[in-house]
Amino acid sequence: MHFVDAKGILTGTGGRVGMNLYRGCTHGCIYCDSRSKCYQFTHAFEDIEVKQNAPQLLEAALRSKRKACMIGTGSMSDPYMHCETELRLTRRCLEIILQYGFGLAIQTKSDRILEDIDLLEAIHQKAKCVVQITLTTYDDALCKLIEPNVCNTKRRIEVLKEMQKRGIPTMVWLTPILPFINDTKENISAILKACIETGVKGVICFDMGMTLREGDREYFYAALDQHFPGLKQTYMERYGNAYEVPSPNARELMGLFRKTCRENGMMYDPGECFSYMQTLPDRYQQMSLFDL
């Protein structure tokens, strides 16, 4: 990893305010879109860029805001990569979010988030906190192949259960679904069953499939050659260089997904899910301003 001083930390306006404390990732997921060349990495993806002045920038930004809002993190780089255990950069920023009475929507694949569950609970009690966990495959052996350097699905389900015990609302990202790999009725049903049992508020799934871009595609195809011999040729023949790579089972699986969520009271429309995560109730905004 290497350290930089960032010029700013928050992006977006209104209810869409986000931050990324790191650039790159060490989880090794074979499908990661963040590897794509369009993001213009000037360093190796696994050589994590650490925005060492992020806490100072965040405190200055929140102090100057006249109205509290939700702060999102984890969309581009996981806030709980291996280096977080040593650096505690995410934790320091959570402490600042708590101090200034802002809300938090945080996304991860890692059980390291449990080390900060005390802060997440405190943020939710003072404002609002939504924890988002990515689940792609219920089969832990398959999980090890496609997401090799992060905790398995069963452990992530345990994370959801621990959040439920603390009253912290959760969302699950059911994405990506890789054609001919995890795009089965059995897999989707098992993940949704776990979501129901852990009281997940909503499940985000745009479609049953994945996306591939230059940079990401080459890494993914190399992984297919290593773990799924012959499958790369199927992808090349069926999808060519397409950005959108839908599962041949997409229609059936999306029907199953929507029906299961609807019958069990889980949000599944992406717009509704994002609206929930980006909305900080007025009473919390008022309390935050009074506290300041």
Protein backbone atom coordinates (compact mmCIF):
# COMPACT_ATOMS: atom_id res chain seq x y z
CA MET A 1 0.00 0.00 0.00
CA HIS A 2 0.99 3.63 -0.39
CA PHE A 3 -0.20 6.86 1.19
CA VAL A 4 -1.49 10.05 -0.42
CA ASP A 5 -3.01 13.32 0.72
CA ALA A 6 -6.38 13.68 -0.96
CA LYS A 7 -7.72 17.08 -2.02
CA GLY A 8 -11.25 16.22 -0.94
CA ILE A 9 -13.16 13.28 0.51
CA LEU A 10 -16.90 13.79 -0.05
CA THR A 11 -18.55 13.58 -3.47
CA GLY A 12 -22.14 14.25 -4.49
CA THR A 13 -24.88 16.50 -3.20
CA GLY A 14 -28.18 16.22 -1.37
CA GLY A 15 -28.95 12.63 -0.40
CA ARG A 16 -26.21 11.19 -2.61
CA VAL A 17 -23.07 11.98 -0.62
CA GLY A 18 -20.29 9.41 -0.66
CA MET A 19 -16.66 8.86 0.18
CA ASN A 20 -13.94 6.35 -0.62
CA LEU A 21 -11.10 6.11 1.88
CA TYR A 22 -9.05 3.68 -0.20
CA ARG A 23 -8.40 3.02 -3.91
CA GLY A 24 -7.89 -0.55 -5.03
CA CYS A 25 -8.73 -3.76 -3.20
CA THR A 26 -7.11 -6.93 -1.84
CA HIS A 27 -10.20 -9.16 -1.76
CA GLY A 28 -9.38 -10.58 -5.19
CA CYS A 29 -12.96 -10.99 -6.49
CA ILE A 30 -12.64 -12.26 -10.04
CA TYR A 31 -15.48 -10.08 -11.39
CA CYS A 32 -14.57 -6.71 -9.82
CA ASP A 33 -15.68 -3.81 -12.04
CA SER A 34 -13.39 -1.43 -10.15
CA ARG A 35 -10.46 -2.98 -12.06
CA SER A 36 -11.79 -1.49 -15.30
CA LYS A 37 -9.46 0.83 -17.18
CA CYS A 38 -12.06 3.61 -17.18
CA TYR A 39 -11.20 4.30 -13.53
CA GLN A 40 -7.65 5.21 -14.59
CA PHE A 41 -5.60 3.48 -11.93
CA THR A 42 -1.97 4.56 -12.09
CA HIS A 43 -0.87 1.85 -9.66
CA ALA A 44 -1.41 -1.89 -9.30
CA PHE A 45 -4.96 -2.60 -8.13
CA GLU A 46 -3.73 -4.55 -5.08
CA ASP A 47 -1.31 -1.74 -4.13
CA ILE A 48 -3.87 0.07 -2.02
CA GLU A 49 -3.89 3.85 -2.17
CA VAL A 50 -4.62 5.13 1.34
CA LYS A 51 -6.11 8.61 1.68
CA GLN A 52 -4.28 9.27 4.91
CA ASN A 53 -5.81 12.69 5.52
CA ALA A 54 -9.40 11.44 5.06
CA PRO A 55 -10.44 11.95 8.72
CA GLN A 56 -9.27 15.57 8.71
CA LEU A 57 -11.01 16.26 5.40
CA LEU A 58 -14.20 14.56 6.58
CA GLU A 59 -14.34 16.51 9.83
CA ALA A 60 -13.88 19.80 8.01
CA ALA A 61 -16.58 18.90 5.49
CA LEU A 62 -19.14 17.79 8.08
CA ARG A 63 -18.46 20.77 10.31
CA SER A 64 -19.29 23.11 7.43
CA LYS A 65 -22.54 21.36 6.39
CA ARG A 66 -25.69 23.13 7.55
CA LYS A 67 -27.87 20.03 7.26
CA ALA A 68 -27.08 16.47 8.29
CA CYS A 69 -27.43 13.73 5.67
CA MET A 70 -26.51 10.13 4.98
CA ILE A 71 -22.86 9.43 4.10
CA GLY A 72 -22.27 6.45 1.83
CA THR A 73 -19.06 4.43 1.55
CA GLY A 74 -17.92 1.15 0.01
CA SER A 75 -19.25 1.45 -3.53
CA MET A 76 -15.83 1.50 -5.21
CA SER A 77 -13.37 0.17 -2.62
CA ASP A 78 -14.29 -1.95 0.38
CA PRO A 79 -13.78 0.00 3.62
CA TYR A 80 -12.82 -3.22 5.43
CA MET A 81 -9.93 -4.56 3.40
CA HIS A 82 -6.99 -6.25 5.13
CA CYS A 83 -5.15 -2.96 5.73
CA GLU A 84 -8.05 -1.57 7.77
CA THR A 85 -7.10 -3.89 10.65
CA GLU A 86 -3.82 -2.00 10.95
CA LEU A 87 -4.79 1.51 9.82
CA ARG A 88 -8.27 1.92 11.35
CA LEU A 89 -9.00 4.65 8.82
CA THR A 90 -12.64 3.63 8.45
CA ARG A 91 -13.13 3.54 12.21
CA ARG A 92 -11.71 7.05 12.63
CA CYS A 93 -14.15 8.34 10.02
CA LEU A 94 -17.08 6.56 11.68
CA GLU A 95 -16.19 8.29 14.93
CA ILE A 96 -16.40 11.65 13.15
CA ILE A 97 -19.73 10.76 11.53
CA LEU A 98 -21.07 9.86 14.98
CA GLN A 99 -19.66 13.03 16.54
CA TYR A 100 -21.39 15.30 14.03
CA GLY A 101 -24.70 13.41 13.98
CA PHE A 102 -24.67 12.27 10.35
CA GLY A 103 -26.12 9.01 9.04
CA LEU A 104 -24.17 6.19 7.41
CA ALA A 105 -24.79 3.70 4.59
CA ILE A 106 -21.79 1.36 4.49
CA GLN A 107 -21.13 -1.53 2.09
CA THR A 108 -18.69 -4.41 2.54
CA LYS A 109 -18.02 -8.11 2.01
CA SER A 110 -15.86 -8.40 5.12
CA ASP A 111 -16.61 -9.54 8.65
CA ARG A 112 -14.09 -6.95 9.85
CA ILE A 113 -17.07 -4.65 10.05
CA LEU A 114 -17.99 -6.42 13.30
CA GLU A 115 -15.00 -4.74 14.94
CA ASP A 116 -16.89 -1.46 14.55
CA ILE A 117 -20.37 -2.68 15.47
CA ASP A 118 -20.32 -0.50 18.59
CA LEU A 119 -19.93 2.62 16.45
CA LEU A 120 -22.49 1.46 13.90
CA GLU A 121 -25.04 0.93 16.65
CA ALA A 122 -24.26 4.34 18.15
CA ILE A 123 -24.64 6.04 14.77
CA HIS A 124 -27.99 4.33 14.25
CA GLN A 125 -29.23 5.36 17.67
CA LYS A 126 -28.21 8.98 17.09
CA ALA A 127 -29.08 9.23 13.39
CA LYS A 128 -29.34 6.25 11.01
CA CYS A 129 -27.03 3.46 9.90
CA VAL A 130 -27.62 0.95 7.11
CA VAL A 131 -25.17 -1.92 6.62
CA GLN A 132 -24.97 -3.42 3.14
CA ILE A 133 -23.49 -6.89 2.59
CA THR A 134 -22.76 -8.45 -0.80
CA LEU A 135 -23.86 -12.07 -1.25
CA THR A 136 -23.26 -13.75 -4.59
CA THR A 137 -23.16 -17.48 -3.96
CA TYR A 138 -24.40 -19.67 -1.13
CA ASP A 139 -21.85 -22.38 -1.94
CA ASP A 140 -18.76 -21.62 0.15
CA ALA A 141 -16.46 -23.70 -2.07
CA LEU A 142 -17.55 -21.64 -5.07
CA CYS A 143 -17.30 -18.45 -3.01
CA LYS A 144 -13.65 -19.25 -2.34
CA LEU A 145 -12.99 -19.38 -6.08
CA ILE A 146 -14.74 -16.18 -7.10
CA GLU A 147 -14.08 -14.10 -3.92
CA PRO A 148 -10.85 -15.70 -2.68
CA ASN A 149 -9.45 -13.27 -0.11
CA VAL A 150 -12.52 -12.36 1.93
CA CYS A 151 -14.77 -14.20 4.38
CA ASN A 152 -17.23 -16.69 2.94
CA THR A 153 -20.98 -16.34 2.52
CA LYS A 154 -21.90 -18.17 5.74
CA ARG A 155 -19.76 -15.74 7.72
CA ARG A 156 -21.36 -12.76 5.98
CA ILE A 157 -24.76 -14.14 6.95
CA GLU A 158 -23.51 -14.22 10.54
CA VAL A 159 -22.63 -10.54 10.15
CA LEU A 160 -26.21 -9.83 9.07
CA LYS A 161 -27.48 -11.68 12.14
CA GLU A 162 -25.25 -9.66 14.46
CA MET A 163 -26.51 -6.43 12.93
CA GLN A 164 -30.09 -7.61 13.40
CA LYS A 165 -29.40 -8.25 17.10
CA ARG A 166 -28.27 -4.62 17.47
CA GLY A 167 -31.28 -3.27 15.60
CA ILE A 168 -29.13 -2.05 12.70
CA PRO A 169 -31.01 -2.28 9.36
CA THR A 170 -29.34 -4.24 6.57
CA MET A 171 -29.42 -4.46 2.79
CA VAL A 172 -28.02 -7.25 0.62
CA TRP A 173 -26.46 -6.75 -2.80
CA LEU A 174 -27.35 -9.85 -4.83
CA THR A 175 -24.86 -9.08 -7.54
CA PRO A 176 -23.11 -10.02 -9.72
CA ILE A 177 -24.70 -13.24 -10.88
CA LEU A 178 -22.17 -14.88 -13.19
CA PRO A 179 -23.60 -16.77 -16.19
CA PHE A 180 -23.05 -20.55 -16.02
CA ILE A 181 -21.45 -20.22 -12.55
CA ASN A 182 -23.86 -19.03 -9.85
CA ASP A 183 -26.97 -18.32 -11.94
CA THR A 184 -29.07 -21.19 -10.59
CA LYS A 185 -32.47 -21.32 -8.93
CA GLU A 186 -30.92 -23.21 -6.00
CA ASN A 187 -28.34 -20.50 -5.38
CA ILE A 188 -30.75 -17.56 -5.60
CA SER A 189 -33.31 -19.33 -3.40
CA ALA A 190 -30.73 -20.15 -0.72
CA ILE A 191 -29.45 -16.57 -0.56
CA LEU A 192 -32.96 -15.14 -0.39
CA LYS A 193 -33.88 -17.61 2.36
CA ALA A 194 -30.90 -16.33 4.38
CA CYS A 195 -32.05 -12.74 3.77
CA ILE A 196 -35.50 -13.55 5.08
CA GLU A 197 -34.14 -15.32 8.17
CA THR A 198 -31.84 -12.41 9.04
CA GLY A 199 -34.50 -9.75 8.63
CA VAL A 200 -32.90 -7.91 5.71
CA LYS A 201 -34.76 -4.69 4.80
CA GLY A 202 -34.15 -5.05 1.10
CA VAL A 203 -32.21 -6.82 -1.64
CA ILE A 204 -30.57 -4.94 -4.51
CA CYS A 205 -30.41 -6.79 -7.81
CA PHE A 206 -30.54 -4.87 -11.09
CA ASP A 207 -30.64 -8.05 -13.19
CA MET A 208 -29.32 -11.59 -13.20
CA GLY A 209 -25.97 -11.20 -14.88
CA MET A 210 -22.82 -9.12 -14.73
CA THR A 211 -20.94 -6.39 -16.58
CA LEU A 212 -17.52 -6.57 -18.22
CA ARG A 213 -15.27 -3.74 -19.35
CA GLU A 214 -11.71 -3.44 -20.57
CA GLY A 215 -9.38 -4.32 -17.71
CA ASP A 216 -12.07 -6.15 -15.77
CA ARG A 217 -12.79 -8.53 -18.65
CA GLU A 218 -9.20 -9.70 -19.02
CA TYR A 219 -8.83 -10.41 -15.31
CA PHE A 220 -12.13 -12.29 -15.25
CA TYR A 221 -11.25 -14.39 -18.29
CA ALA A 222 -7.90 -15.34 -16.76
CA ALA A 223 -9.76 -16.54 -13.67
CA LEU A 224 -12.15 -18.56 -15.84
CA ASP A 225 -9.18 -20.30 -17.49
CA GLN A 226 -7.81 -21.14 -14.06
CA HIS A 227 -10.96 -22.31 -12.30
CA PHE A 228 -13.53 -23.07 -15.04
CA PRO A 229 -11.65 -24.48 -18.05
CA GLY A 230 -13.46 -23.95 -21.35
CA LEU A 231 -15.96 -21.44 -19.99
CA LYS A 232 -14.10 -18.43 -21.40
CA GLN A 233 -14.81 -19.65 -24.91
CA THR A 234 -18.52 -19.88 -24.10
CA TYR A 235 -18.48 -16.28 -22.88
CA MET A 236 -16.59 -15.04 -25.93
CA GLU A 237 -18.94 -16.79 -28.35
CA ARG A 238 -22.12 -15.73 -26.56
CA TYR A 239 -21.27 -12.18 -25.44
CA GLY A 240 -18.29 -10.98 -27.48
CA ASN A 241 -17.10 -7.66 -26.00
CA ALA A 242 -20.52 -6.65 -24.68
CA TYR A 243 -20.70 -4.57 -21.52
CA GLU A 244 -23.88 -6.24 -20.27
CA VAL A 245 -23.55 -10.00 -19.78
CA PRO A 246 -26.97 -11.39 -18.83
CA SER A 247 -27.58 -14.90 -17.56
CA PRO A 248 -29.54 -17.12 -19.95
CA ASN A 249 -31.73 -17.81 -16.89
CA ALA A 250 -32.29 -14.12 -16.15
CA ARG A 251 -36.05 -14.01 -16.75
CA GLU A 252 -36.81 -17.01 -14.55
CA LEU A 253 -34.43 -15.92 -11.79
CA MET A 254 -35.68 -12.32 -11.71
CA GLY A 255 -39.23 -13.64 -11.41
CA LEU A 256 -38.18 -15.80 -8.48
CA PHE A 257 -36.33 -12.88 -6.92
CA ARG A 258 -39.20 -10.41 -7.14
CA LYS A 259 -41.83 -12.93 -6.02
CA THR A 260 -39.80 -14.01 -2.98
CA CYS A 261 -39.05 -10.45 -1.89
CA ARG A 262 -42.63 -9.33 -2.39
CA GLU A 263 -44.06 -12.26 -0.39
CA ASN A 264 -41.66 -11.65 2.48
CA GLY A 265 -41.88 -7.89 2.76
CA MET A 266 -38.37 -7.10 1.52
CA MET A 267 -37.73 -4.10 -0.70
CA TYR A 268 -36.46 -5.10 -4.13
CA ASP A 269 -36.97 -2.12 -6.41
CA PRO A 270 -33.51 -0.48 -6.67
CA GLY A 271 -34.99 3.01 -6.53
CA GLU A 272 -36.85 2.21 -3.32
CA CYS A 273 -33.75 0.63 -1.78
CA PHE A 274 -31.53 3.60 -2.61
CA SER A 275 -34.15 6.06 -1.40
CA TYR A 276 -34.25 4.26 1.95
CA MET A 277 -30.46 4.29 2.27
CA GLN A 278 -30.11 7.94 1.27
CA THR A 279 -32.87 9.34 3.46
CA LEU A 280 -32.09 10.66 6.91
CA PRO A 281 -35.36 11.32 8.81
CA ASP A 282 -36.05 14.99 9.51
CA ARG A 283 -36.12 14.47 13.26
CA TYR A 284 -32.50 13.27 13.17
CA GLN A 285 -31.43 16.23 11.05
CA GLN A 286 -33.04 18.57 13.56
CA MET A 287 -31.44 16.79 16.51
CA SER A 288 -28.04 16.93 14.81
CA LEU A 289 -28.27 20.65 14.18
CA PHE A 290 -29.40 21.26 17.77
CA ASP A 291 -26.52 19.17 19.11
CA LEU A 292 -24.02 21.16 17.03
